[in-house]
Amino acid sequence: MTEARYACLNLPLPSFPRADDPAWDKAAPAELLEVESGRRPFLHTEFRLLRDDEAQAFFLRFLAEDDEINSTYRLHDETLYTQDVFELFLADRGGLNHYKEIEVSPYDLTFTGTIDYTEDGRRVLNMDWGIPGFETKTRFDRAVHQTASVWKLPYAAFAGAPQPRSAWRFNVFRVDHSVRGQELQAWQPTGARNFHVPDRFGWLDFPA
């Protein structure tokens, strides 16, 4: 299977761009699919990702078709992934046995942790990692049935700043709950109802 690639362009951006900022038009839209089958999901979700090397930060935007919000958490670093949530997995150290897990709920609660795999293949979640300067703004617009979520992720939280002409591995996900049940979406489908399949991660390219 051909591994997908996403070009994360370097652009001068506002300190925190709005969801409707024209700068997002310069980023390629990427659509999420049903995580197991790779088919188009019931609800459409796209993300766009940019970087600003001068500001030393990534900027990520989700636009998600939505008909209701199912989220009862009110504290950061609760198990947000059991309810409605957007997620980013980012392997910033050059391998797939360690990656960052970053989540944002519809109410702008955040979850940050690292995933490590032991020699015998066990997955271990560590909650001792955070993102200083992490900013988010998430809003459900009932009139247009859409949730928009914008994130600012400072480079200082990662192993280093992305270098031009290099690449990291990553995947992007959404969990949605409704009367239809639980829908799991992924940029790169994993072939299972499980997001933690790093071999299926795509590539995040950093053009010069």
N, C-alpha and C. Protein backbone atom coordinates (compact mmCIF):
# COMPACT_ATOMS: atom_id res chain seq x y z
N MET A 1 0.83 -1.19 0.00
CA MET A 1 0.00 0.00 0.00
C MET A 1 0.87 1.25 0.00
N THR A 2 0.55 2.19 -0.88
CA THR A 2 1.32 3.44 -0.95
C THR A 2 1.05 4.28 0.29
N GLU A 3 2.11 4.75 0.91
CA GLU A 3 1.96 5.58 2.10
C GLU A 3 1.62 7.01 1.70
N ALA A 4 0.58 7.56 2.30
CA ALA A 4 0.13 8.91 1.97
C ALA A 4 1.08 9.94 2.56
N ARG A 5 1.12 11.09 1.91
CA ARG A 5 1.98 12.18 2.36
C ARG A 5 1.16 13.46 2.40
N TYR A 6 1.47 14.30 3.38
CA TYR A 6 0.81 15.60 3.52
C TYR A 6 1.90 16.66 3.63
N ALA A 7 1.83 17.67 2.76
CA ALA A 7 2.83 18.74 2.76
C ALA A 7 2.41 19.83 3.74
N CYS A 8 3.18 20.01 4.80
CA CYS A 8 2.91 21.03 5.81
C CYS A 8 3.70 22.28 5.44
N LEU A 9 3.02 23.23 4.81
CA LEU A 9 3.67 24.42 4.29
C LEU A 9 4.07 25.38 5.40
N ASN A 10 5.15 26.10 5.17
CA ASN A 10 5.63 27.13 6.09
C ASN A 10 5.12 28.48 5.61
N LEU A 11 4.27 29.13 6.41
CA LEU A 11 3.68 30.41 6.04
C LEU A 11 3.66 31.35 7.23
N PRO A 12 3.78 32.65 7.00
CA PRO A 12 3.55 33.60 8.10
C PRO A 12 2.06 33.64 8.42
N LEU A 13 1.72 33.40 9.66
CA LEU A 13 0.33 33.29 10.07
C LEU A 13 0.00 34.24 11.21
N PRO A 14 -1.27 34.55 11.40
CA PRO A 14 -1.66 35.32 12.60
C PRO A 14 -1.24 34.55 13.85
N SER A 15 -1.17 35.25 14.98
CA SER A 15 -0.74 34.59 16.21
C SER A 15 -1.66 33.43 16.57
N PHE A 16 -2.94 33.57 16.22
CA PHE A 16 -3.88 32.46 16.35
C PHE A 16 -4.97 32.65 15.29
N PRO A 17 -4.85 31.99 14.14
CA PRO A 17 -5.79 32.24 13.04
C PRO A 17 -7.20 31.74 13.37
N ARG A 18 -8.19 32.50 12.97
CA ARG A 18 -9.58 32.07 13.11
C ARG A 18 -9.85 30.88 12.19
N ALA A 19 -10.93 30.20 12.43
CA ALA A 19 -11.27 29.06 11.58
C ALA A 19 -11.55 29.48 10.15
N ASP A 20 -11.99 30.74 9.95
CA ASP A 20 -12.29 31.22 8.60
C ASP A 20 -11.19 32.12 8.03
N ASP A 21 -10.00 32.09 8.63
CA ASP A 21 -8.90 32.91 8.12
C ASP A 21 -8.52 32.45 6.71
N PRO A 22 -8.31 33.38 5.78
CA PRO A 22 -7.95 32.99 4.40
C PRO A 22 -6.66 32.17 4.31
N ALA A 23 -5.81 32.23 5.31
CA ALA A 23 -4.55 31.46 5.27
C ALA A 23 -4.82 29.97 5.11
N TRP A 24 -5.93 29.48 5.64
CA TRP A 24 -6.22 28.05 5.54
C TRP A 24 -6.41 27.61 4.09
N ASP A 25 -6.80 28.53 3.23
CA ASP A 25 -7.00 28.17 1.82
C ASP A 25 -5.70 27.73 1.16
N LYS A 26 -4.56 28.09 1.75
CA LYS A 26 -3.27 27.71 1.18
C LYS A 26 -2.83 26.30 1.57
N ALA A 27 -3.55 25.71 2.52
CA ALA A 27 -3.22 24.35 2.97
C ALA A 27 -4.12 23.36 2.25
N ALA A 28 -3.58 22.21 1.93
CA ALA A 28 -4.36 21.18 1.25
C ALA A 28 -5.38 20.58 2.21
N PRO A 29 -6.64 20.43 1.77
CA PRO A 29 -7.61 19.74 2.61
C PRO A 29 -7.38 18.24 2.58
N ALA A 30 -7.54 17.60 3.72
CA ALA A 30 -7.41 16.15 3.81
C ALA A 30 -8.64 15.60 4.50
N GLU A 31 -9.25 14.60 3.90
CA GLU A 31 -10.52 14.06 4.38
C GLU A 31 -10.30 12.83 5.24
N LEU A 32 -11.09 12.72 6.32
CA LEU A 32 -11.05 11.52 7.16
C LEU A 32 -12.02 10.48 6.61
N LEU A 33 -11.65 9.21 6.79
CA LEU A 33 -12.43 8.07 6.31
C LEU A 33 -12.79 7.16 7.48
N GLU A 34 -13.70 6.24 7.25
CA GLU A 34 -14.05 5.29 8.30
C GLU A 34 -12.80 4.46 8.62
N VAL A 35 -12.48 4.34 9.90
CA VAL A 35 -11.17 3.86 10.31
C VAL A 35 -10.88 2.42 9.88
N GLU A 36 -11.89 1.58 9.84
CA GLU A 36 -11.66 0.17 9.54
C GLU A 36 -11.74 -0.13 8.05
N SER A 37 -12.78 0.39 7.40
CA SER A 37 -13.04 0.03 6.01
C SER A 37 -12.41 0.98 5.00
N GLY A 38 -12.15 2.22 5.42
CA GLY A 38 -11.67 3.23 4.49
C GLY A 38 -12.77 3.85 3.64
N ARG A 39 -14.01 3.52 3.94
CA ARG A 39 -15.12 4.12 3.20
C ARG A 39 -15.43 5.52 3.72
N ARG A 40 -16.20 6.27 2.91
CA ARG A 40 -16.62 7.60 3.33
C ARG A 40 -17.52 7.47 4.55
N PRO A 41 -17.26 8.21 5.62
CA PRO A 41 -18.08 8.10 6.83
C PRO A 41 -19.41 8.83 6.68
N PHE A 42 -20.30 8.64 7.65
CA PHE A 42 -21.60 9.30 7.62
C PHE A 42 -21.43 10.82 7.69
N LEU A 43 -20.53 11.28 8.56
CA LEU A 43 -20.26 12.71 8.72
C LEU A 43 -18.92 13.06 8.10
N HIS A 44 -18.89 14.12 7.33
CA HIS A 44 -17.66 14.55 6.67
C HIS A 44 -16.77 15.30 7.64
N THR A 45 -15.47 15.02 7.59
CA THR A 45 -14.47 15.72 8.41
C THR A 45 -13.24 15.97 7.56
N GLU A 46 -12.73 17.20 7.61
CA GLU A 46 -11.46 17.49 6.95
C GLU A 46 -10.54 18.21 7.92
N PHE A 47 -9.23 18.07 7.67
CA PHE A 47 -8.26 18.85 8.43
C PHE A 47 -7.32 19.54 7.45
N ARG A 48 -6.72 20.60 7.93
CA ARG A 48 -5.65 21.29 7.22
C ARG A 48 -4.57 21.63 8.24
N LEU A 49 -3.31 21.51 7.81
CA LEU A 49 -2.18 21.68 8.71
C LEU A 49 -1.15 22.59 8.08
N LEU A 50 -0.72 23.59 8.84
CA LEU A 50 0.30 24.54 8.41
C LEU A 50 1.35 24.68 9.50
N ARG A 51 2.48 25.28 9.13
CA ARG A 51 3.47 25.61 10.13
C ARG A 51 3.97 27.03 9.89
N ASP A 52 4.44 27.66 10.95
CA ASP A 52 5.03 28.98 10.86
C ASP A 52 6.38 28.90 11.57
N ASP A 53 7.46 28.75 10.79
CA ASP A 53 8.78 28.58 11.40
C ASP A 53 9.22 29.80 12.18
N GLU A 54 8.77 30.97 11.77
CA GLU A 54 9.13 32.18 12.53
C GLU A 54 8.44 32.19 13.89
N ALA A 55 7.16 31.80 13.92
CA ALA A 55 6.42 31.73 15.18
C ALA A 55 6.74 30.45 15.96
N GLN A 56 7.44 29.50 15.30
CA GLN A 56 7.83 28.24 15.94
C GLN A 56 6.61 27.45 16.43
N ALA A 57 5.67 27.24 15.48
CA ALA A 57 4.45 26.52 15.87
C ALA A 57 3.78 25.89 14.66
N PHE A 58 3.08 24.78 14.94
CA PHE A 58 2.15 24.18 13.99
C PHE A 58 0.76 24.77 14.22
N PHE A 59 -0.04 24.78 13.16
CA PHE A 59 -1.43 25.21 13.25
C PHE A 59 -2.29 24.17 12.53
N LEU A 60 -3.29 23.67 13.23
CA LEU A 60 -4.15 22.60 12.72
C LEU A 60 -5.60 23.05 12.80
N ARG A 61 -6.35 22.81 11.72
CA ARG A 61 -7.78 23.12 11.74
C ARG A 61 -8.60 21.90 11.31
N PHE A 62 -9.62 21.61 12.10
CA PHE A 62 -10.64 20.63 11.73
C PHE A 62 -11.92 21.36 11.35
N LEU A 63 -12.57 20.95 10.29
CA LEU A 63 -13.94 21.32 9.99
C LEU A 63 -14.73 20.02 9.89
N ALA A 64 -15.73 19.87 10.74
CA ALA A 64 -16.42 18.59 10.86
C ALA A 64 -17.92 18.77 10.80
N GLU A 65 -18.54 18.08 9.86
CA GLU A 65 -20.00 18.03 9.85
C GLU A 65 -20.45 17.40 11.16
N ASP A 66 -21.48 17.99 11.78
CA ASP A 66 -21.86 17.54 13.11
C ASP A 66 -23.35 17.77 13.33
N ASP A 67 -24.01 16.84 14.00
CA ASP A 67 -25.42 17.02 14.29
C ASP A 67 -25.72 17.10 15.78
N GLU A 68 -24.77 16.71 16.61
CA GLU A 68 -24.94 16.84 18.06
C GLU A 68 -23.58 16.66 18.73
N ILE A 69 -23.50 17.17 19.95
CA ILE A 69 -22.28 17.04 20.74
C ILE A 69 -22.51 16.06 21.87
N ASN A 70 -21.62 15.10 22.00
CA ASN A 70 -21.66 14.15 23.10
C ASN A 70 -20.34 14.20 23.84
N SER A 71 -20.31 15.02 24.88
CA SER A 71 -19.08 15.18 25.67
C SER A 71 -19.48 15.69 27.05
N THR A 72 -19.12 14.95 28.07
CA THR A 72 -19.48 15.34 29.44
C THR A 72 -18.26 15.68 30.30
N TYR A 73 -17.06 15.54 29.74
CA TYR A 73 -15.86 15.81 30.53
C TYR A 73 -15.71 17.31 30.77
N ARG A 74 -15.11 17.64 31.90
CA ARG A 74 -14.91 19.05 32.25
C ARG A 74 -13.49 19.33 32.74
N LEU A 75 -12.62 18.34 32.68
CA LEU A 75 -11.24 18.50 33.15
C LEU A 75 -10.27 18.08 32.05
N HIS A 76 -9.14 18.76 31.97
CA HIS A 76 -8.09 18.36 31.04
C HIS A 76 -7.52 17.00 31.44
N ASP A 77 -7.08 16.27 30.43
CA ASP A 77 -6.42 14.97 30.59
C ASP A 77 -7.33 13.88 31.17
N GLU A 78 -8.65 14.10 31.12
CA GLU A 78 -9.55 12.98 31.35
C GLU A 78 -9.56 12.10 30.09
N THR A 79 -10.28 11.01 30.14
CA THR A 79 -10.28 10.08 29.01
C THR A 79 -11.20 10.60 27.90
N LEU A 80 -10.78 11.69 27.29
CA LEU A 80 -11.60 12.36 26.28
C LEU A 80 -11.92 11.44 25.11
N TYR A 81 -11.03 10.49 24.83
CA TYR A 81 -11.17 9.62 23.67
C TYR A 81 -12.37 8.68 23.76
N THR A 82 -13.06 8.63 24.90
CA THR A 82 -14.25 7.78 25.01
C THR A 82 -15.52 8.52 24.57
N GLN A 83 -15.41 9.81 24.26
CA GLN A 83 -16.55 10.59 23.79
C GLN A 83 -16.14 11.36 22.53
N ASP A 84 -16.91 12.37 22.13
CA ASP A 84 -16.56 13.13 20.92
C ASP A 84 -15.21 13.81 21.10
N VAL A 85 -14.35 13.67 20.09
CA VAL A 85 -13.00 14.23 20.23
C VAL A 85 -12.31 14.25 18.87
N PHE A 86 -11.37 15.18 18.70
CA PHE A 86 -10.44 15.19 17.57
C PHE A 86 -9.07 14.79 18.10
N GLU A 87 -8.30 14.05 17.28
CA GLU A 87 -7.02 13.53 17.75
C GLU A 87 -5.93 13.65 16.69
N LEU A 88 -4.72 13.88 17.17
CA LEU A 88 -3.52 13.90 16.33
C LEU A 88 -2.47 13.01 16.99
N PHE A 89 -1.92 12.05 16.22
CA PHE A 89 -0.79 11.25 16.67
C PHE A 89 0.42 11.67 15.82
N LEU A 90 1.52 12.01 16.48
CA LEU A 90 2.67 12.57 15.78
C LEU A 90 3.95 11.93 16.29
N ALA A 91 4.66 11.27 15.38
CA ALA A 91 5.93 10.62 15.72
C ALA A 91 7.07 11.56 15.35
N ASP A 92 7.61 12.24 16.33
CA ASP A 92 8.59 13.31 16.10
C ASP A 92 10.03 12.88 16.35
N ARG A 93 10.27 11.59 16.55
CA ARG A 93 11.62 11.12 16.86
C ARG A 93 12.19 10.20 15.78
N GLY A 94 11.50 10.10 14.66
CA GLY A 94 12.04 9.32 13.55
C GLY A 94 11.69 7.86 13.53
N GLY A 95 10.93 7.38 14.52
CA GLY A 95 10.53 5.98 14.54
C GLY A 95 9.06 5.87 14.92
N LEU A 96 8.56 4.64 14.94
CA LEU A 96 7.14 4.43 15.24
C LEU A 96 6.91 3.79 16.61
N ASN A 97 7.98 3.58 17.39
CA ASN A 97 7.79 3.00 18.71
C ASN A 97 7.55 4.06 19.78
N HIS A 98 7.51 5.35 19.35
CA HIS A 98 7.21 6.45 20.26
C HIS A 98 6.49 7.53 19.47
N TYR A 99 5.36 7.99 19.99
CA TYR A 99 4.67 9.12 19.35
C TYR A 99 3.85 9.88 20.38
N LYS A 100 3.51 11.11 20.01
CA LYS A 100 2.69 11.98 20.84
C LYS A 100 1.22 11.76 20.51
N GLU A 101 0.37 11.78 21.53
CA GLU A 101 -1.08 11.70 21.35
C GLU A 101 -1.69 12.98 21.88
N ILE A 102 -2.40 13.70 21.01
CA ILE A 102 -2.95 15.02 21.35
C ILE A 102 -4.43 15.01 20.99
N GLU A 103 -5.28 15.44 21.92
CA GLU A 103 -6.72 15.41 21.70
C GLU A 103 -7.36 16.72 22.16
N VAL A 104 -8.46 17.06 21.51
CA VAL A 104 -9.25 18.23 21.90
C VAL A 104 -10.72 17.85 21.82
N SER A 105 -11.46 18.16 22.88
CA SER A 105 -12.89 17.86 22.93
C SER A 105 -13.69 19.04 22.35
N PRO A 106 -14.98 18.86 22.13
CA PRO A 106 -15.80 19.98 21.64
C PRO A 106 -15.85 21.17 22.58
N TYR A 107 -15.48 20.96 23.84
CA TYR A 107 -15.47 22.05 24.82
C TYR A 107 -14.06 22.55 25.10
N ASP A 108 -13.15 22.30 24.19
CA ASP A 108 -11.78 22.79 24.28
C ASP A 108 -10.99 22.20 25.45
N LEU A 109 -11.39 21.08 25.93
CA LEU A 109 -10.55 20.36 26.88
C LEU A 109 -9.49 19.60 26.10
N THR A 110 -8.32 19.47 26.69
CA THR A 110 -7.21 18.84 25.99
C THR A 110 -6.69 17.62 26.74
N PHE A 111 -6.13 16.71 25.97
CA PHE A 111 -5.48 15.51 26.49
C PHE A 111 -4.15 15.39 25.78
N THR A 112 -3.07 15.27 26.53
CA THR A 112 -1.76 15.10 25.93
C THR A 112 -1.02 13.96 26.64
N GLY A 113 -0.42 13.11 25.85
CA GLY A 113 0.35 12.02 26.41
C GLY A 113 1.32 11.49 25.37
N THR A 114 2.15 10.57 25.79
CA THR A 114 3.05 9.90 24.85
C THR A 114 2.78 8.41 24.87
N ILE A 115 2.97 7.79 23.71
CA ILE A 115 2.80 6.35 23.56
C ILE A 115 4.16 5.74 23.28
N ASP A 116 4.50 4.71 24.04
CA ASP A 116 5.73 3.95 23.82
C ASP A 116 5.38 2.47 23.71
N TYR A 117 6.14 1.77 22.86
CA TYR A 117 5.97 0.34 22.70
C TYR A 117 7.17 -0.39 23.29
N THR A 118 6.90 -1.37 24.12
CA THR A 118 7.98 -2.14 24.74
C THR A 118 8.51 -3.16 23.74
N GLU A 119 9.59 -3.83 24.10
CA GLU A 119 10.20 -4.81 23.20
C GLU A 119 9.25 -5.97 22.89
N ASP A 120 8.34 -6.27 23.81
CA ASP A 120 7.39 -7.35 23.56
C ASP A 120 6.10 -6.86 22.91
N GLY A 121 6.10 -5.59 22.46
CA GLY A 121 4.96 -5.07 21.70
C GLY A 121 3.85 -4.46 22.52
N ARG A 122 4.02 -4.37 23.83
CA ARG A 122 2.98 -3.74 24.66
C ARG A 122 2.97 -2.23 24.45
N ARG A 123 1.78 -1.64 24.44
CA ARG A 123 1.63 -0.19 24.30
C ARG A 123 1.48 0.43 25.67
N VAL A 124 2.29 1.47 25.92
CA VAL A 124 2.29 2.11 27.23
C VAL A 124 1.97 3.59 27.04
N LEU A 125 0.95 4.08 27.75
CA LEU A 125 0.58 5.49 27.74
C LEU A 125 1.24 6.19 28.91
N ASN A 126 1.95 7.29 28.62
CA ASN A 126 2.56 8.11 29.66
C ASN A 126 1.88 9.47 29.66
N MET A 127 1.50 9.95 30.84
CA MET A 127 0.78 11.22 30.96
C MET A 127 1.66 12.34 31.50
N ASP A 128 2.97 12.17 31.44
CA ASP A 128 3.88 13.16 32.01
C ASP A 128 4.37 14.17 30.97
N TRP A 129 3.71 14.24 29.83
CA TRP A 129 4.10 15.18 28.79
C TRP A 129 2.96 16.16 28.53
N GLY A 130 3.31 17.43 28.43
CA GLY A 130 2.33 18.46 28.12
C GLY A 130 2.86 19.39 27.05
N ILE A 131 2.05 20.36 26.66
CA ILE A 131 2.42 21.29 25.59
C ILE A 131 2.31 22.72 26.12
N PRO A 132 3.40 23.29 26.62
CA PRO A 132 3.34 24.69 27.03
C PRO A 132 2.95 25.58 25.85
N GLY A 133 1.99 26.46 26.07
CA GLY A 133 1.56 27.35 25.00
C GLY A 133 0.54 26.75 24.04
N PHE A 134 0.04 25.56 24.35
CA PHE A 134 -0.98 24.91 23.53
C PHE A 134 -2.26 25.75 23.60
N GLU A 135 -2.74 26.19 22.43
CA GLU A 135 -3.98 26.97 22.36
C GLU A 135 -4.97 26.27 21.45
N THR A 136 -6.24 26.31 21.84
CA THR A 136 -7.29 25.73 21.01
C THR A 136 -8.53 26.62 21.06
N LYS A 137 -9.30 26.55 19.99
CA LYS A 137 -10.62 27.17 19.97
C LYS A 137 -11.54 26.27 19.17
N THR A 138 -12.54 25.72 19.84
CA THR A 138 -13.46 24.78 19.22
C THR A 138 -14.88 25.28 19.41
N ARG A 139 -15.66 25.24 18.33
CA ARG A 139 -17.02 25.78 18.38
C ARG A 139 -17.96 24.94 17.53
N PHE A 140 -19.10 24.58 18.11
CA PHE A 140 -20.16 23.87 17.40
C PHE A 140 -21.18 24.90 16.93
N ASP A 141 -21.39 24.98 15.62
CA ASP A 141 -22.37 25.89 15.04
C ASP A 141 -23.59 25.07 14.64
N ARG A 142 -24.60 25.11 15.48
CA ARG A 142 -25.78 24.29 15.25
C ARG A 142 -26.51 24.68 13.96
N ALA A 143 -26.43 25.97 13.60
CA ALA A 143 -27.15 26.45 12.42
C ALA A 143 -26.65 25.80 11.13
N VAL A 144 -25.34 25.53 11.07
CA VAL A 144 -24.78 24.93 9.85
C VAL A 144 -24.32 23.49 10.09
N HIS A 145 -24.61 22.96 11.27
CA HIS A 145 -24.28 21.56 11.60
C HIS A 145 -22.79 21.29 11.41
N GLN A 146 -21.97 22.14 12.03
CA GLN A 146 -20.53 22.01 11.87
C GLN A 146 -19.79 22.36 13.15
N THR A 147 -18.76 21.57 13.45
CA THR A 147 -17.82 21.89 14.52
C THR A 147 -16.49 22.27 13.88
N ALA A 148 -15.95 23.41 14.30
CA ALA A 148 -14.63 23.87 13.85
C ALA A 148 -13.69 23.88 15.06
N SER A 149 -12.50 23.36 14.87
CA SER A 149 -11.51 23.32 15.94
C SER A 149 -10.15 23.74 15.39
N VAL A 150 -9.57 24.78 15.99
CA VAL A 150 -8.26 25.30 15.58
C VAL A 150 -7.27 25.09 16.73
N TRP A 151 -6.08 24.57 16.39
CA TRP A 151 -5.05 24.31 17.40
C TRP A 151 -3.77 25.05 17.03
N LYS A 152 -3.07 25.51 18.08
CA LYS A 152 -1.71 26.02 17.93
C LYS A 152 -0.80 25.15 18.78
N LEU A 153 0.21 24.54 18.14
CA LEU A 153 1.10 23.59 18.80
C LEU A 153 2.55 24.07 18.70
N PRO A 154 3.07 24.70 19.75
CA PRO A 154 4.45 25.20 19.68
C PRO A 154 5.48 24.09 19.46
N TYR A 155 6.48 24.39 18.64
CA TYR A 155 7.55 23.42 18.37
C TYR A 155 8.26 22.98 19.65
N ALA A 156 8.30 23.85 20.67
CA ALA A 156 9.06 23.55 21.88
C ALA A 156 8.57 22.29 22.58
N ALA A 157 7.35 21.86 22.29
CA ALA A 157 6.81 20.67 22.94
C ALA A 157 7.33 19.38 22.32
N PHE A 158 7.98 19.48 21.17
CA PHE A 158 8.38 18.29 20.43
C PHE A 158 9.90 18.06 20.52
N ALA A 159 10.35 17.00 19.89
CA ALA A 159 11.77 16.64 19.98
C ALA A 159 12.66 17.71 19.36
N GLY A 160 12.10 18.50 18.49
CA GLY A 160 12.83 19.59 17.85
C GLY A 160 11.94 20.23 16.82
N ALA A 161 12.37 21.36 16.30
CA ALA A 161 11.61 22.01 15.24
C ALA A 161 11.69 21.17 13.96
N PRO A 162 10.63 21.14 13.16
CA PRO A 162 10.70 20.41 11.90
C PRO A 162 11.73 21.04 10.97
N GLN A 163 12.54 20.23 10.36
CA GLN A 163 13.57 20.73 9.45
C GLN A 163 13.08 20.68 8.01
N PRO A 164 13.31 21.75 7.23
CA PRO A 164 12.91 21.72 5.83
C PRO A 164 13.47 20.49 5.11
N ARG A 165 12.62 19.92 4.24
CA ARG A 165 12.94 18.74 3.44
C ARG A 165 13.04 17.46 4.28
N SER A 166 12.52 17.51 5.52
CA SER A 166 12.45 16.30 6.33
C SER A 166 10.97 15.89 6.45
N ALA A 167 10.71 14.81 7.19
CA ALA A 167 9.34 14.34 7.34
C ALA A 167 9.20 13.59 8.67
N TRP A 168 8.01 13.71 9.28
CA TRP A 168 7.63 12.95 10.45
C TRP A 168 6.48 12.03 10.05
N ARG A 169 6.19 11.02 10.86
CA ARG A 169 5.03 10.17 10.64
C ARG A 169 3.87 10.68 11.50
N PHE A 170 2.65 10.53 10.98
CA PHE A 170 1.49 11.02 11.74
C PHE A 170 0.19 10.41 11.23
N ASN A 171 -0.84 10.58 12.04
CA ASN A 171 -2.20 10.25 11.64
C ASN A 171 -3.16 11.17 12.39
N VAL A 172 -4.36 11.32 11.85
CA VAL A 172 -5.36 12.24 12.38
C VAL A 172 -6.67 11.48 12.49
N PHE A 173 -7.42 11.75 13.58
CA PHE A 173 -8.61 10.95 13.87
C PHE A 173 -9.76 11.82 14.40
N ARG A 174 -10.94 11.23 14.34
CA ARG A 174 -12.11 11.81 14.98
C ARG A 174 -12.95 10.68 15.57
N VAL A 175 -13.49 10.93 16.77
CA VAL A 175 -14.48 10.06 17.37
C VAL A 175 -15.78 10.84 17.47
N ASP A 176 -16.87 10.26 16.96
CA ASP A 176 -18.18 10.92 17.03
C ASP A 176 -19.22 9.94 17.55
N HIS A 177 -20.00 10.40 18.54
CA HIS A 177 -21.09 9.61 19.08
C HIS A 177 -22.43 10.27 18.75
N SER A 178 -23.42 9.45 18.40
CA SER A 178 -24.75 9.96 18.09
C SER A 178 -25.75 8.82 18.26
N VAL A 179 -26.99 9.07 17.90
CA VAL A 179 -28.00 8.02 17.97
C VAL A 179 -27.65 6.88 17.01
N ARG A 180 -26.77 7.14 16.05
CA ARG A 180 -26.35 6.09 15.12
C ARG A 180 -25.32 5.16 15.74
N GLY A 181 -24.73 5.59 16.87
CA GLY A 181 -23.68 4.81 17.50
C GLY A 181 -22.37 5.57 17.47
N GLN A 182 -21.27 4.86 17.58
CA GLN A 182 -19.93 5.45 17.59
C GLN A 182 -19.31 5.34 16.20
N GLU A 183 -18.87 6.49 15.67
CA GLU A 183 -18.18 6.48 14.38
C GLU A 183 -16.72 6.86 14.62
N LEU A 184 -15.82 6.04 14.11
CA LEU A 184 -14.38 6.28 14.22
C LEU A 184 -13.84 6.63 12.85
N GLN A 185 -13.14 7.75 12.77
CA GLN A 185 -12.61 8.23 11.49
C GLN A 185 -11.10 8.40 11.58
N ALA A 186 -10.44 8.24 10.43
CA ALA A 186 -8.98 8.37 10.37
C ALA A 186 -8.58 8.93 9.02
N TRP A 187 -7.49 9.70 9.01
CA TRP A 187 -6.91 10.13 7.73
C TRP A 187 -6.38 8.90 7.00
N GLN A 188 -5.59 8.10 7.71
CA GLN A 188 -5.10 6.83 7.17
C GLN A 188 -5.79 5.70 7.91
N PRO A 189 -6.78 5.05 7.28
CA PRO A 189 -7.49 3.97 7.95
C PRO A 189 -6.53 2.89 8.44
N THR A 190 -6.85 2.32 9.59
CA THR A 190 -5.96 1.35 10.21
C THR A 190 -6.35 -0.09 9.93
N GLY A 191 -7.54 -0.31 9.35
CA GLY A 191 -8.00 -1.67 9.11
C GLY A 191 -8.60 -2.33 10.34
N ALA A 192 -8.73 -1.57 11.43
CA ALA A 192 -9.31 -2.09 12.66
C ALA A 192 -9.99 -0.94 13.40
N ARG A 193 -10.87 -1.27 14.33
CA ARG A 193 -11.48 -0.21 15.15
C ARG A 193 -10.52 0.15 16.27
N ASN A 194 -9.38 0.63 15.85
CA ASN A 194 -8.28 0.94 16.76
C ASN A 194 -7.42 1.99 16.09
N PHE A 195 -7.19 3.10 16.77
CA PHE A 195 -6.36 4.17 16.21
C PHE A 195 -4.87 3.84 16.32
N HIS A 196 -4.51 3.02 17.29
CA HIS A 196 -3.09 2.79 17.59
C HIS A 196 -2.50 1.70 16.71
N VAL A 197 -2.36 2.04 15.42
CA VAL A 197 -1.71 1.14 14.46
C VAL A 197 -0.65 1.99 13.74
N PRO A 198 0.50 2.23 14.37
CA PRO A 198 1.47 3.17 13.81
C PRO A 198 2.00 2.79 12.44
N ASP A 199 1.99 1.50 12.10
CA ASP A 199 2.44 1.11 10.77
C ASP A 199 1.60 1.73 9.66
N ARG A 200 0.41 2.19 9.99
CA ARG A 200 -0.47 2.81 9.01
C ARG A 200 -0.34 4.34 8.98
N PHE A 201 0.52 4.89 9.80
CA PHE A 201 0.72 6.34 9.77
C PHE A 201 1.19 6.79 8.39
N GLY A 202 0.75 7.98 7.98
CA GLY A 202 1.29 8.59 6.77
C GLY A 202 2.49 9.46 7.11
N TRP A 203 2.90 10.26 6.13
CA TRP A 203 4.07 11.12 6.26
C TRP A 203 3.67 12.58 6.28
N LEU A 204 4.25 13.32 7.22
CA LEU A 204 4.07 14.77 7.29
C LEU A 204 5.34 15.41 6.75
N ASP A 205 5.28 15.90 5.52
CA ASP A 205 6.45 16.48 4.86
C ASP A 205 6.58 17.97 5.19
N PHE A 206 7.82 18.42 5.31
CA PHE A 206 8.12 19.83 5.60
C PHE A 206 8.88 20.44 4.41
N PRO A 207 8.16 20.94 3.42
CA PRO A 207 8.84 21.56 2.28
C PRO A 207 9.66 22.78 2.74
N ALA A 208 10.65 23.11 1.96
CA ALA A 208 11.48 24.29 2.29
C ALA A 208 10.65 25.56 2.17
